[in-house]
Amino acid sequence: MIKVIINEQDRIWDSSQAGWLNGTINELQKAGEPVCVRVLIEYGDINLCLSAGICNNSGGGGRPLNTHENEIVEYWSRLDVEAPPLNGGKLVAFLNSIK
């Protein structure tokens, strides 16, 4: 399962959610509101929470990443998803590639 949370809204991810993700980010940015996107990934041996934008840190997981989790985190970093300003296109590309 992949869940995307934008500020207080959340959806289970599938590619049909791309319009919601881009629209929500754009609306919040146009309104001058801080945007926090969290991506929760729970599948097999993967249990990750990645965040981008202006988010309150809720602490780390407290355990080392396994091989699959590390690959996902490295891919997130390679796409530079966290670079300001928050870019919905990068998030969609990331989410569609790991689904």
PDB file of N, CA and C in Angstrom:
ATOM      1  N   MET A   1       0.835  -1.168   0.000  1.00  0.00           N
ATOM      2  CA  MET A   1       0.000   0.000   0.000  1.00  0.00           C
ATOM      3  C   MET A   1       0.889   1.243   0.000  1.00  0.00           C
ATOM      4  N   ILE A   2       0.497   2.195  -0.812  1.00  0.00           N
ATOM      5  CA  ILE A   2       1.156   3.499  -0.821  1.00  0.00           C
ATOM      6  C   ILE A   2       0.080   4.538  -0.523  1.00  0.00           C
ATOM      7  N   LYS A   3       0.293   5.314   0.522  1.00  0.00           N
ATOM      8  CA  LYS A   3      -0.637   6.374   0.887  1.00  0.00           C
ATOM      9  C   LYS A   3       0.084   7.707   0.767  1.00  0.00           C
ATOM     10  N   VAL A   4      -0.591   8.671   0.156  1.00  0.00           N
ATOM     11  CA  VAL A   4      -0.057  10.020   0.020  1.00  0.00           C
ATOM     12  C   VAL A   4      -0.886  10.944   0.907  1.00  0.00           C
ATOM     13  N   ILE A   5      -0.210  11.716   1.729  1.00  0.00           N
ATOM     14  CA  ILE A   5      -0.880  12.670   2.612  1.00  0.00           C
ATOM     15  C   ILE A   5      -0.364  14.060   2.259  1.00  0.00           C
ATOM     16  N   ILE A   6      -1.283  14.946   1.872  1.00  0.00           N
ATOM     17  CA  ILE A   6      -0.931  16.336   1.604  1.00  0.00           C
ATOM     18  C   ILE A   6      -1.643  17.167   2.659  1.00  0.00           C
ATOM     19  N   ASN A   7      -0.859  17.763   3.548  1.00  0.00           N
ATOM     20  CA  ASN A   7      -1.385  18.470   4.714  1.00  0.00           C
ATOM     21  C   ASN A   7      -2.391  17.565   5.420  1.00  0.00           C
ATOM     22  N   GLU A   8      -3.662  17.822   5.365  1.00  0.00           N
ATOM     23  CA  GLU A   8      -4.650  17.005   6.092  1.00  0.00           C
ATOM     24  C   GLU A   8      -5.408  16.029   5.198  1.00  0.00           C
ATOM     25  N   GLN A   9      -5.150  16.034   3.899  1.00  0.00           N
ATOM     26  CA  GLN A   9      -5.858  15.156   2.971  1.00  0.00           C
ATOM     27  C   GLN A   9      -5.011  13.926   2.681  1.00  0.00           C
ATOM     28  N   ASP A  10      -5.642  12.766   2.542  1.00  0.00           N
ATOM     29  CA  ASP A  10      -4.872  11.584   2.184  1.00  0.00           C
ATOM     30  C   ASP A  10      -5.631  10.715   1.197  1.00  0.00           C
ATOM     31  N   ARG A  11      -4.861  10.003   0.417  1.00  0.00           N
ATOM     32  CA  ARG A  11      -5.403   9.081  -0.589  1.00  0.00           C
ATOM     33  C   ARG A  11      -4.470   7.880  -0.714  1.00  0.00           C
ATOM     34  N   ILE A  12      -5.068   6.734  -1.015  1.00  0.00           N
ATOM     35  CA  ILE A  12      -4.274   5.574  -1.404  1.00  0.00           C
ATOM     36  C   ILE A  12      -3.842   5.832  -2.842  1.00  0.00           C
ATOM     37  N   TRP A  13      -2.561   5.657  -3.136  1.00  0.00           N
ATOM     38  CA  TRP A  13      -2.024   6.039  -4.437  1.00  0.00           C
ATOM     39  C   TRP A  13      -2.334   5.022  -5.523  1.00  0.00           C
ATOM     40  N   ASP A  14      -2.808   5.533  -6.628  1.00  0.00           N
ATOM     41  CA  ASP A  14      -2.738   4.881  -7.929  1.00  0.00           C
ATOM     42  C   ASP A  14      -2.619   6.012  -8.933  1.00  0.00           C
ATOM     43  N   SER A  15      -2.247   5.702 -10.149  1.00  0.00           N
ATOM     44  CA  SER A  15      -1.922   6.759 -11.110  1.00  0.00           C
ATOM     45  C   SER A  15      -3.088   7.703 -11.386  1.00  0.00           C
ATOM     46  N   SER A  16      -4.316   7.278 -11.079  1.00  0.00           N
ATOM     47  CA  SER A  16      -5.467   8.162 -11.289  1.00  0.00           C
ATOM     48  C   SER A  16      -5.497   9.313 -10.282  1.00  0.00           C
ATOM     49  N   GLN A  17      -4.647   9.264  -9.259  1.00  0.00           N
ATOM     50  CA  GLN A  17      -4.597  10.311  -8.235  1.00  0.00           C
ATOM     51  C   GLN A  17      -3.657  11.459  -8.613  1.00  0.00           C
ATOM     52  N   ALA A  18      -3.008  11.381  -9.785  1.00  0.00           N
ATOM     53  CA  ALA A  18      -2.037  12.408 -10.188  1.00  0.00           C
ATOM     54  C   ALA A  18      -2.682  13.794 -10.242  1.00  0.00           C
ATOM     55  N   GLY A  19      -3.890  13.908 -10.771  1.00  0.00           N
ATOM     56  CA  GLY A  19      -4.570  15.197 -10.845  1.00  0.00           C
ATOM     57  C   GLY A  19      -4.851  15.763  -9.467  1.00  0.00           C
ATOM     58  N   TRP A  20      -5.297  14.904  -8.546  1.00  0.00           N
ATOM     59  CA  TRP A  20      -5.544  15.340  -7.167  1.00  0.00           C
ATOM     60  C   TRP A  20      -4.251  15.843  -6.544  1.00  0.00           C
ATOM     61  N   LEU A  21      -3.160  15.093  -6.685  1.00  0.00           N
ATOM     62  CA  LEU A  21      -1.893  15.469  -6.077  1.00  0.00           C
ATOM     63  C   LEU A  21      -1.415  16.811  -6.625  1.00  0.00           C
ATOM     64  N   ASN A  22      -1.337  16.949  -7.940  1.00  0.00           N
ATOM     65  CA  ASN A  22      -0.865  18.193  -8.543  1.00  0.00           C
ATOM     66  C   ASN A  22      -1.785  19.364  -8.215  1.00  0.00           C
ATOM     67  N   GLY A  23      -3.079  19.155  -8.317  1.00  0.00           N
ATOM     68  CA  GLY A  23      -4.043  20.218  -8.039  1.00  0.00           C
ATOM     69  C   GLY A  23      -3.990  20.698  -6.606  1.00  0.00           C
ATOM     70  N   THR A  24      -3.897  19.770  -5.676  1.00  0.00           N
ATOM     71  CA  THR A  24      -3.856  20.128  -4.256  1.00  0.00           C
ATOM     72  C   THR A  24      -2.585  20.908  -3.930  1.00  0.00           C
ATOM     73  N   ILE A  25      -1.451  20.429  -4.415  1.00  0.00           N
ATOM     74  CA  ILE A  25      -0.186  21.138  -4.174  1.00  0.00           C
ATOM     75  C   ILE A  25      -0.248  22.539  -4.779  1.00  0.00           C
ATOM     76  N   ASN A  26      -0.705  22.642  -6.020  1.00  0.00           N
ATOM     77  CA  ASN A  26      -0.768  23.948  -6.691  1.00  0.00           C
ATOM     78  C   ASN A  26      -1.703  24.919  -5.972  1.00  0.00           C
ATOM     79  N   GLU A  27      -2.870  24.437  -5.546  1.00  0.00           N
ATOM     80  CA  GLU A  27      -3.830  25.297  -4.843  1.00  0.00           C
ATOM     81  C   GLU A  27      -3.240  25.822  -3.537  1.00  0.00           C
ATOM     82  N   LEU A  28      -2.603  24.950  -2.781  1.00  0.00           N
ATOM     83  CA  LEU A  28      -2.009  25.365  -1.513  1.00  0.00           C
ATOM     84  C   LEU A  28      -0.878  26.367  -1.739  1.00  0.00           C
ATOM     85  N   GLN A  29      -0.043  26.101  -2.741  1.00  0.00           N
ATOM     86  CA  GLN A  29       1.059  27.019  -3.021  1.00  0.00           C
ATOM     87  C   GLN A  29       0.535  28.382  -3.473  1.00  0.00           C
ATOM     88  N   LYS A  30      -0.498  28.406  -4.328  1.00  0.00           N
ATOM     89  CA  LYS A  30      -1.072  29.680  -4.780  1.00  0.00           C
ATOM     90  C   LYS A  30      -1.682  30.460  -3.628  1.00  0.00           C
ATOM     91  N   ALA A  31      -2.223  29.749  -2.645  1.00  0.00           N
ATOM     92  CA  ALA A  31      -2.813  30.397  -1.478  1.00  0.00           C
ATOM     93  C   ALA A  31      -1.744  30.838  -0.478  1.00  0.00           C
ATOM     94  N   GLY A  32      -0.491  30.509  -0.760  1.00  0.00           N
ATOM     95  CA  GLY A  32       0.596  30.894   0.135  1.00  0.00           C
ATOM     96  C   GLY A  32       0.683  30.044   1.390  1.00  0.00           C
ATOM     97  N   GLU A  33       0.042  28.886   1.367  1.00  0.00           N
ATOM     98  CA  GLU A  33       0.058  28.004   2.529  1.00  0.00           C
ATOM     99  C   GLU A  33       1.233  27.036   2.453  1.00  0.00           C
ATOM    100  N   PRO A  34       1.803  26.682   3.600  1.00  0.00           N
ATOM    101  CA  PRO A  34       2.867  25.683   3.587  1.00  0.00           C
ATOM    102  C   PRO A  34       2.299  24.332   3.152  1.00  0.00           C
ATOM    103  N   VAL A  35       3.087  23.594   2.399  1.00  0.00           N
ATOM    104  CA  VAL A  35       2.650  22.289   1.886  1.00  0.00           C
ATOM    105  C   VAL A  35       3.565  21.213   2.451  1.00  0.00           C
ATOM    106  N   CYS A  36       2.959  20.197   3.050  1.00  0.00           N
ATOM    107  CA  CYS A  36       3.683  19.031   3.539  1.00  0.00           C
ATOM    108  C   CYS A  36       3.116  17.805   2.831  1.00  0.00           C
ATOM    109  N   VAL A  37       3.997  17.061   2.181  1.00  0.00           N
ATOM    110  CA  VAL A  37       3.587  15.807   1.545  1.00  0.00           C
ATOM    111  C   VAL A  37       4.330  14.677   2.227  1.00  0.00           C
ATOM    112  N   ARG A  38       3.574  13.699   2.673  1.00  0.00           N
ATOM    113  CA  ARG A  38       4.166  12.490   3.243  1.00  0.00           C
ATOM    114  C   ARG A  38       3.732  11.310   2.378  1.00  0.00           C
ATOM    115  N   VAL A  39       4.676  10.422   2.140  1.00  0.00           N
ATOM    116  CA  VAL A  39       4.412   9.219   1.364  1.00  0.00           C
ATOM    117  C   VAL A  39       4.676   8.029   2.277  1.00  0.00           C
ATOM    118  N   LEU A  40       3.632   7.276   2.566  1.00  0.00           N
ATOM    119  CA  LEU A  40       3.754   6.081   3.397  1.00  0.00           C
ATOM    120  C   LEU A  40       3.757   4.869   2.484  1.00  0.00           C
ATOM    121  N   ILE A  41       4.775   4.034   2.624  1.00  0.00           N
ATOM    122  CA  ILE A  41       4.900   2.846   1.788  1.00  0.00           C
ATOM    123  C   ILE A  41       4.978   1.640   2.706  1.00  0.00           C
ATOM    124  N   GLU A  42       4.005   0.761   2.580  1.00  0.00           N
ATOM    125  CA  GLU A  42       3.975  -0.479   3.355  1.00  0.00           C
ATOM    126  C   GLU A  42       3.668  -1.613   2.395  1.00  0.00           C
ATOM    127  N   TYR A  43       4.690  -2.409   2.126  1.00  0.00           N
ATOM    128  CA  TYR A  43       4.521  -3.523   1.203  1.00  0.00           C
ATOM    129  C   TYR A  43       5.630  -4.534   1.472  1.00  0.00           C
ATOM    130  N   GLY A  44       5.271  -5.774   1.739  1.00  0.00           N
ATOM    131  CA  GLY A  44       6.281  -6.794   2.013  1.00  0.00           C
ATOM    132  C   GLY A  44       7.177  -6.361   3.155  1.00  0.00           C
ATOM    133  N   ASP A  45       8.486  -6.293   2.874  1.00  0.00           N
ATOM    134  CA  ASP A  45       9.441  -5.904   3.917  1.00  0.00           C
ATOM    135  C   ASP A  45       9.716  -4.400   3.922  1.00  0.00           C
ATOM    136  N   ILE A  46       8.883  -3.635   3.212  1.00  0.00           N
ATOM    137  CA  ILE A  46       9.061  -2.188   3.135  1.00  0.00           C
ATOM    138  C   ILE A  46       8.070  -1.490   4.061  1.00  0.00           C
ATOM    139  N   ASN A  47       8.595  -0.630   4.926  1.00  0.00           N
ATOM    140  CA  ASN A  47       7.776   0.172   5.827  1.00  0.00           C
ATOM    141  C   ASN A  47       8.464   1.528   5.965  1.00  0.00           C
ATOM    142  N   LEU A  48       8.086   2.473   5.080  1.00  0.00           N
ATOM    143  CA  LEU A  48       8.753   3.767   4.999  1.00  0.00           C
ATOM    144  C   LEU A  48       7.771   4.909   5.079  1.00  0.00           C
ATOM    145  N   CYS A  49       8.254   6.036   5.583  1.00  0.00           N
ATOM    146  CA  CYS A  49       7.539   7.307   5.487  1.00  0.00           C
ATOM    147  C   CYS A  49       8.542   8.333   4.977  1.00  0.00           C
ATOM    148  N   LEU A  50       8.271   8.876   3.782  1.00  0.00           N
ATOM    149  CA  LEU A  50       9.105   9.905   3.184  1.00  0.00           C
ATOM    150  C   LEU A  50       8.328  11.207   3.205  1.00  0.00           C
ATOM    151  N   SER A  51       9.021  12.324   3.362  1.00  0.00           N
ATOM    152  CA  SER A  51       8.304  13.594   3.382  1.00  0.00           C
ATOM    153  C   SER A  51       9.034  14.631   2.534  1.00  0.00           C
ATOM    154  N   ALA A  52       8.235  15.570   2.027  1.00  0.00           N
ATOM    155  CA  ALA A  52       8.757  16.678   1.226  1.00  0.00           C
ATOM    156  C   ALA A  52       7.928  17.913   1.547  1.00  0.00           C
ATOM    157  N   GLY A  53       8.529  19.061   1.346  1.00  0.00           N
ATOM    158  CA  GLY A  53       7.837  20.300   1.650  1.00  0.00           C
ATOM    159  C   GLY A  53       8.119  20.737   3.071  1.00  0.00           C
ATOM    160  N   ILE A  54       7.182  21.473   3.630  1.00  0.00           N
ATOM    161  CA  ILE A  54       7.340  22.025   4.980  1.00  0.00           C
ATOM    162  C   ILE A  54       6.549  21.137   5.944  1.00  0.00           C
ATOM    163  N   CYS A  55       7.260  20.187   6.539  1.00  0.00           N
ATOM    164  CA  CYS A  55       6.627  19.218   7.435  1.00  0.00           C
ATOM    165  C   CYS A  55       7.260  19.306   8.814  1.00  0.00           C
ATOM    166  N   ASN A  56       6.446  19.082   9.827  1.00  0.00           N
ATOM    167  CA  ASN A  56       6.983  18.937  11.178  1.00  0.00           C
ATOM    168  C   ASN A  56       7.642  17.572  11.247  1.00  0.00           C
ATOM    169  N   ASN A  57       8.879  17.545  11.690  1.00  0.00           N
ATOM    170  CA  ASN A  57       9.558  16.265  11.815  1.00  0.00           C
ATOM    171  C   ASN A  57       8.953  15.482  12.962  1.00  0.00           C
ATOM    172  N   SER A  58       8.677  14.212  12.685  1.00  0.00           N
ATOM    173  CA  SER A  58       8.100  13.367  13.731  1.00  0.00           C
ATOM    174  C   SER A  58       9.088  12.303  14.172  1.00  0.00           C
ATOM    175  N   GLY A  59      10.358  12.510  13.880  1.00  0.00           N
ATOM    176  CA  GLY A  59      11.368  11.569  14.342  1.00  0.00           C
ATOM    177  C   GLY A  59      11.629  10.468  13.335  1.00  0.00           C
ATOM    178  N   GLY A  60      12.766   9.857  13.458  1.00  0.00           N
ATOM    179  CA  GLY A  60      13.158   8.779  12.567  1.00  0.00           C
ATOM    180  C   GLY A  60      12.589   7.449  13.008  1.00  0.00           C
ATOM    181  N   GLY A  61      12.812   6.452  12.190  1.00  0.00           N
ATOM    182  CA  GLY A  61      12.266   5.125  12.439  1.00  0.00           C
ATOM    183  C   GLY A  61      12.985   4.363  13.529  1.00  0.00           C
ATOM    184  N   GLY A  62      14.245   4.710  13.784  1.00  0.00           N
ATOM    185  CA  GLY A  62      14.962   4.058  14.861  1.00  0.00           C
ATOM    186  C   GLY A  62      15.567   2.717  14.499  1.00  0.00           C
ATOM    187  N   ARG A  63      15.489   2.318  13.240  1.00  0.00           N
ATOM    188  CA  ARG A  63      16.108   1.067  12.830  1.00  0.00           C
ATOM    189  C   ARG A  63      16.776   1.287  11.482  1.00  0.00           C
ATOM    190  N   PRO A  64      17.773   0.474  11.172  1.00  0.00           N
ATOM    191  CA  PRO A  64      18.424   0.623   9.874  1.00  0.00           C
ATOM    192  C   PRO A  64      17.470   0.225   8.739  1.00  0.00           C
ATOM    193  N   LEU A  65      17.641   0.850   7.593  1.00  0.00           N
ATOM    194  CA  LEU A  65      16.837   0.503   6.428  1.00  0.00           C
ATOM    195  C   LEU A  65      17.283  -0.842   5.880  1.00  0.00           C
ATOM    196  N   ASN A  66      16.312  -1.628   5.384  1.00  0.00           N
ATOM    197  CA  ASN A  66      16.689  -2.857   4.705  1.00  0.00           C
ATOM    198  C   ASN A  66      17.045  -2.514   3.257  1.00  0.00           C
ATOM    199  N   THR A  67      17.452  -3.496   2.489  1.00  0.00           N
ATOM    200  CA  THR A  67      17.911  -3.269   1.118  1.00  0.00           C
ATOM    201  C   THR A  67      16.852  -2.603   0.260  1.00  0.00           C
ATOM    202  N   HIS A  68      15.612  -3.092   0.302  1.00  0.00           N
ATOM    203  CA  HIS A  68      14.542  -2.532  -0.526  1.00  0.00           C
ATOM    204  C   HIS A  68      14.214  -1.094  -0.119  1.00  0.00           C
ATOM    205  N   GLU A  69      14.152  -0.844   1.172  1.00  0.00           N
ATOM    206  CA  GLU A  69      13.880   0.512   1.655  1.00  0.00           C
ATOM    207  C   GLU A  69      14.993   1.469   1.224  1.00  0.00           C
ATOM    208  N   ASN A  70      16.220   1.010   1.343  1.00  0.00           N
ATOM    209  CA  ASN A  70      17.356   1.850   0.959  1.00  0.00           C
ATOM    210  C   ASN A  70      17.302   2.203  -0.527  1.00  0.00           C
ATOM    211  N   GLU A  71      16.920   1.257  -1.377  1.00  0.00           N
ATOM    212  CA  GLU A  71      16.795   1.520  -2.813  1.00  0.00           C
ATOM    213  C   GLU A  71      15.741   2.594  -3.078  1.00  0.00           C
ATOM    214  N   ILE A  72      14.624   2.531  -2.353  1.00  0.00           N
ATOM    215  CA  ILE A  72      13.558   3.514  -2.530  1.00  0.00           C
ATOM    216  C   ILE A  72      14.018   4.894  -2.074  1.00  0.00           C
ATOM    217  N   VAL A  73      14.692   4.964  -0.935  1.00  0.00           N
ATOM    218  CA  VAL A  73      15.190   6.241  -0.423  1.00  0.00           C
ATOM    219  C   VAL A  73      16.229   6.826  -1.387  1.00  0.00           C
ATOM    220  N   GLU A  74      17.092   5.998  -1.940  1.00  0.00           N
ATOM    221  CA  GLU A  74      18.090   6.478  -2.899  1.00  0.00           C
ATOM    222  C   GLU A  74      17.413   7.017  -4.159  1.00  0.00           C
ATOM    223  N   TYR A  75      16.373   6.343  -4.625  1.00  0.00           N
ATOM    224  CA  TYR A  75      15.648   6.801  -5.810  1.00  0.00           C
ATOM    225  C   TYR A  75      14.965   8.147  -5.525  1.00  0.00           C
ATOM    226  N   TRP A  76      14.341   8.284  -4.359  1.00  0.00           N
ATOM    227  CA  TRP A  76      13.708   9.539  -3.908  1.00  0.00           C
ATOM    228  C   TRP A  76      14.742  10.673  -3.963  1.00  0.00           C
ATOM    229  N   SER A  77      15.939  10.390  -3.471  1.00  0.00           N
ATOM    230  CA  SER A  77      17.007  11.391  -3.465  1.00  0.00           C
ATOM    231  C   SER A  77      17.482  11.717  -4.883  1.00  0.00           C
ATOM    232  N   ARG A  78      17.627  10.689  -5.725  1.00  0.00           N
ATOM    233  CA  ARG A  78      18.071  10.916  -7.114  1.00  0.00           C
ATOM    234  C   ARG A  78      17.096  11.801  -7.876  1.00  0.00           C
ATOM    235  N   LEU A  79      15.794  11.621  -7.647  1.00  0.00           N
ATOM    236  CA  LEU A  79      14.792  12.450  -8.316  1.00  0.00           C
ATOM    237  C   LEU A  79      14.726  13.851  -7.721  1.00  0.00           C
ATOM    238  N   ASP A  80      15.362  14.049  -6.579  1.00  0.00           N
ATOM    239  CA  ASP A  80      15.404  15.345  -5.898  1.00  0.00           C
ATOM    240  C   ASP A  80      13.993  15.828  -5.559  1.00  0.00           C
ATOM    241  N   VAL A  81      13.177  14.915  -5.081  1.00  0.00           N
ATOM    242  CA  VAL A  81      11.775  15.211  -4.771  1.00  0.00           C
ATOM    243  C   VAL A  81      11.650  16.309  -3.724  1.00  0.00           C
ATOM    244  N   GLU A  82      12.585  16.372  -2.797  1.00  0.00           N
ATOM    245  CA  GLU A  82      12.484  17.323  -1.690  1.00  0.00           C
ATOM    246  C   GLU A  82      12.925  18.743  -2.039  1.00  0.00           C
ATOM    247  N   ALA A  83      13.510  18.948  -3.229  1.00  0.00           N
ATOM    248  CA  ALA A  83      14.027  20.268  -3.588  1.00  0.00           C
ATOM    249  C   ALA A  83      12.900  21.289  -3.692  1.00  0.00           C
ATOM    250  N   PRO A  84      13.082  22.454  -3.056  1.00  0.00           N
ATOM    251  CA  PRO A  84      12.064  23.500  -3.194  1.00  0.00           C
ATOM    252  C   PRO A  84      12.151  24.151  -4.562  1.00  0.00           C
ATOM    253  N   PRO A  85      11.076  24.658  -5.098  1.00  0.00           N
ATOM    254  CA  PRO A  85       9.717  24.518  -4.571  1.00  0.00           C
ATOM    255  C   PRO A  85       9.195  23.101  -4.840  1.00  0.00           C
ATOM    256  N   LEU A  86       8.274  22.676  -4.015  1.00  0.00           N
ATOM    257  CA  LEU A  86       7.709  21.341  -4.137  1.00  0.00           C
ATOM    258  C   LEU A  86       7.123  21.156  -5.529  1.00  0.00           C
ATOM    259  N   ASN A  87       7.506  20.059  -6.190  1.00  0.00           N
ATOM    260  CA  ASN A  87       7.125  19.806  -7.572  1.00  0.00           C
ATOM    261  C   ASN A  87       6.285  18.534  -7.648  1.00  0.00           C
ATOM    262  N   GLY A  88       4.993  18.705  -7.957  1.00  0.00           N
ATOM    263  CA  GLY A  88       4.090  17.562  -8.045  1.00  0.00           C
ATOM    264  C   GLY A  88       4.504  16.569  -9.113  1.00  0.00           C
ATOM    265  N   GLY A  89       5.089  17.049 -10.211  1.00  0.00           N
ATOM    266  CA  GLY A  89       5.527  16.159 -11.285  1.00  0.00           C
ATOM    267  C   GLY A  89       6.576  15.165 -10.823  1.00  0.00           C
ATOM    268  N   LYS A  90       7.521  15.642 -10.004  1.00  0.00           N
ATOM    269  CA  LYS A  90       8.543  14.740  -9.468  1.00  0.00           C
ATOM    270  C   LYS A  90       7.922  13.703  -8.548  1.00  0.00           C
ATOM    271  N   LEU A  91       6.966  14.140  -7.731  1.00  0.00           N
ATOM    272  CA  LEU A  91       6.289  13.200  -6.839  1.00  0.00           C
ATOM    273  C   LEU A  91       5.533  12.139  -7.621  1.00  0.00           C
ATOM    274  N   VAL A  92       4.807  12.564  -8.647  1.00  0.00           N
ATOM    275  CA  VAL A  92       4.045  11.611  -9.471  1.00  0.00           C
ATOM    276  C   VAL A  92       4.994  10.623 -10.140  1.00  0.00           C
ATOM    277  N   ALA A  93       6.092  11.114 -10.690  1.00  0.00           N
ATOM    278  CA  ALA A  93       7.069  10.232 -11.337  1.00  0.00           C
ATOM    279  C   ALA A  93       7.600   9.209 -10.336  1.00  0.00           C
ATOM    280  N   PHE A  94       7.918   9.650  -9.129  1.00  0.00           N
ATOM    281  CA  PHE A  94       8.397   8.752  -8.093  1.00  0.00           C
ATOM    282  C   PHE A  94       7.347   7.702  -7.756  1.00  0.00           C
ATOM    283  N   LEU A  95       6.131   8.161  -7.467  1.00  0.00           N
ATOM    284  CA  LEU A  95       5.073   7.257  -7.049  1.00  0.00           C
ATOM    285  C   LEU A  95       4.723   6.235  -8.141  1.00  0.00           C
ATOM    286  N   ASN A  96       4.655   6.679  -9.372  1.00  0.00           N
ATOM    287  CA  ASN A  96       4.335   5.754 -10.456  1.00  0.00           C
ATOM    288  C   ASN A  96       5.435   4.733 -10.699  1.00  0.00           C
ATOM    289  N   SER A  97       6.667   5.090 -10.398  1.00  0.00           N
ATOM    290  CA  SER A  97       7.768   4.161 -10.644  1.00  0.00           C
ATOM    291  C   SER A  97       7.897   3.103  -9.563  1.00  0.00           C
ATOM    292  N   ILE A  98       7.408   3.363  -8.367  1.00  0.00           N
ATOM    293  CA  ILE A  98       7.536   2.372  -7.300  1.00  0.00           C
ATOM    294  C   ILE A  98       6.289   1.527  -7.144  1.00  0.00           C
ATOM    295  N   LYS A  99       5.221   1.896  -7.791  1.00  0.00           N
ATOM    296  CA  LYS A  99       3.954   1.159  -7.668  1.00  0.00           C
ATOM    297  C   LYS A  99       4.095  -0.229  -8.232  1.00  0.00           C
TER     298      LYS A  99
END
